[in-house]
Amino acid sequence: MSKESTVMETILAVIIGGLVGVLIVAAAFAYSAISVGVAVCYLWAWFMVPLGLMEIGFAHAAGIATLIGLMSMSRTANYIKGEYKDGKTGLIGELVAPWLALLFGYIIHSFM
């Protein structure tokens, strides 16, 4: 192989790796927006509408959740000591948190 083909292969590998990374981040953002949007939509209907506020749809719920997330920039695993973090804890928390919030909200709603 020539030096030029090796450089071209390296550049191509970097470009493909970058595109795969962008796709993974986009998929994670889409999952987050969908899961949190669903949870906020139901929780809003259960707890805010009975107080007289207008019902919102999924798009508004996902937008509100995204806006609040961007403004607060809090992460699920901030309370865990550094020596106990293995990199998976925060990811698992981010994946499960909306569904746990919805579950606990449903339980609380059933008492109303």
Protein backbone atom coordinates (compact mmCIF):
# COMPACT_ATOMS: atom_id res chain seq x y z
CA MET A 1 0.00 0.00 0.00
CA SER A 2 1.12 3.46 -0.70
CA LYS A 3 1.28 6.23 1.85
CA GLU A 4 -1.53 8.12 0.09
CA SER A 5 -3.98 5.20 0.28
CA THR A 6 -3.20 4.73 3.98
CA VAL A 7 -3.92 8.42 4.65
CA MET A 8 -7.15 8.22 2.62
CA GLU A 9 -8.26 5.11 4.54
CA THR A 10 -7.55 6.88 7.83
CA ILE A 11 -9.51 9.95 6.77
CA LEU A 12 -12.41 7.77 5.59
CA ALA A 13 -12.39 5.85 8.88
CA VAL A 14 -12.49 9.11 10.87
CA ILE A 15 -15.39 10.42 8.77
CA ILE A 16 -17.37 7.19 9.13
CA GLY A 17 -16.65 7.07 12.85
CA GLY A 18 -17.83 10.66 13.21
CA LEU A 19 -21.04 9.94 11.32
CA VAL A 20 -21.74 6.87 13.46
CA GLY A 21 -21.13 8.97 16.58
CA VAL A 22 -23.56 11.64 15.38
CA LEU A 23 -26.19 8.98 14.64
CA ILE A 24 -25.78 7.46 18.11
CA VAL A 25 -26.14 10.87 19.78
CA ALA A 26 -29.20 11.66 17.63
CA ALA A 27 -30.80 8.32 18.54
CA ALA A 28 -30.13 8.92 22.25
CA PHE A 29 -31.64 12.41 22.04
CA ALA A 30 -34.70 11.05 20.20
CA TYR A 31 -35.20 8.31 22.81
CA SER A 32 -34.86 10.85 25.60
CA ALA A 33 -37.31 13.26 24.00
CA ILE A 34 -39.86 10.51 23.37
CA SER A 35 -39.63 8.82 26.77
CA VAL A 36 -39.62 12.03 28.80
CA GLY A 37 -42.32 13.52 26.56
CA VAL A 38 -44.63 10.58 27.18
CA ALA A 39 -44.01 10.71 30.93
CA VAL A 40 -44.57 14.49 31.14
CA CYS A 41 -47.70 14.25 28.99
CA TYR A 42 -49.32 11.71 31.31
CA LEU A 43 -48.12 13.37 34.52
CA TRP A 44 -49.40 16.75 33.30
CA ALA A 45 -52.80 15.25 32.51
CA TRP A 46 -53.00 13.54 35.89
CA PHE A 47 -51.80 16.37 38.12
CA MET A 48 -52.00 19.72 36.33
CA VAL A 49 -55.27 19.49 34.37
CA PRO A 50 -57.35 18.84 37.54
CA LEU A 51 -55.94 22.12 38.89
CA GLY A 52 -57.44 23.99 35.94
CA LEU A 53 -54.49 24.16 33.56
CA MET A 54 -54.97 23.37 29.90
CA GLU A 55 -54.21 19.85 28.67
CA ILE A 56 -51.06 19.55 26.55
CA GLY A 57 -50.10 17.12 23.84
CA PHE A 58 -46.99 15.05 23.37
CA ALA A 59 -45.09 17.69 21.39
CA HIS A 60 -45.63 20.34 24.05
CA ALA A 61 -44.70 17.89 26.81
CA ALA A 62 -41.48 16.88 25.04
CA GLY A 63 -40.66 20.55 24.42
CA ILE A 64 -41.27 21.54 28.03
CA ALA A 65 -39.19 18.60 29.29
CA THR A 66 -36.35 19.44 26.89
CA LEU A 67 -36.43 23.10 27.89
CA ILE A 68 -36.35 22.30 31.60
CA GLY A 69 -33.59 19.74 31.04
CA LEU A 70 -31.49 22.26 29.16
CA MET A 71 -32.00 24.93 31.81
CA SER A 72 -31.30 22.68 34.78
CA MET A 73 -28.55 20.54 33.17
CA SER A 74 -28.87 18.03 36.00
CA ARG A 75 -27.78 14.47 35.57
CA THR A 76 -29.11 11.37 37.25
CA ALA A 77 -25.79 10.04 38.59
CA ASN A 78 -24.53 13.23 40.27
CA TYR A 79 -25.26 11.86 43.73
CA ILE A 80 -23.04 8.78 43.30
CA LYS A 81 -19.47 8.95 44.58
CA GLY A 82 -16.79 8.92 41.91
CA GLU A 83 -15.21 5.67 43.06
CA TYR A 84 -18.52 3.82 42.55
CA LYS A 85 -19.22 5.11 39.06
CA ASP A 86 -18.49 2.69 36.27
CA GLY A 87 -19.81 4.71 33.33
CA LYS A 88 -22.97 2.63 33.01
CA THR A 89 -24.76 4.07 36.06
CA GLY A 90 -25.61 7.40 34.48
CA LEU A 91 -26.73 5.80 31.23
CA ILE A 92 -29.00 3.32 32.99
CA GLY A 93 -30.44 6.13 35.10
CA GLU A 94 -31.13 8.25 32.01
CA LEU A 95 -32.87 5.33 30.29
CA VAL A 96 -35.01 4.28 33.26
CA ALA A 97 -35.79 7.62 35.00
CA PRO A 98 -38.74 8.71 32.82
CA TRP A 99 -40.47 5.36 33.17
CA LEU A 100 -39.95 5.26 36.94
CA ALA A 101 -41.37 8.79 37.20
CA LEU A 102 -44.38 7.66 35.18
CA LEU A 103 -44.83 4.57 37.38
CA PHE A 104 -44.67 6.56 40.63
CA GLY A 105 -46.93 9.21 39.13
CA TYR A 106 -49.47 6.54 38.21
CA ILE A 107 -49.36 5.13 41.73
CA ILE A 108 -49.87 8.59 43.24
CA HIS A 109 -52.63 9.35 40.71
CA SER A 110 -54.49 6.18 41.71
CA PHE A 111 -54.91 7.63 45.23
CA MET A 112 -56.59 10.78 43.91
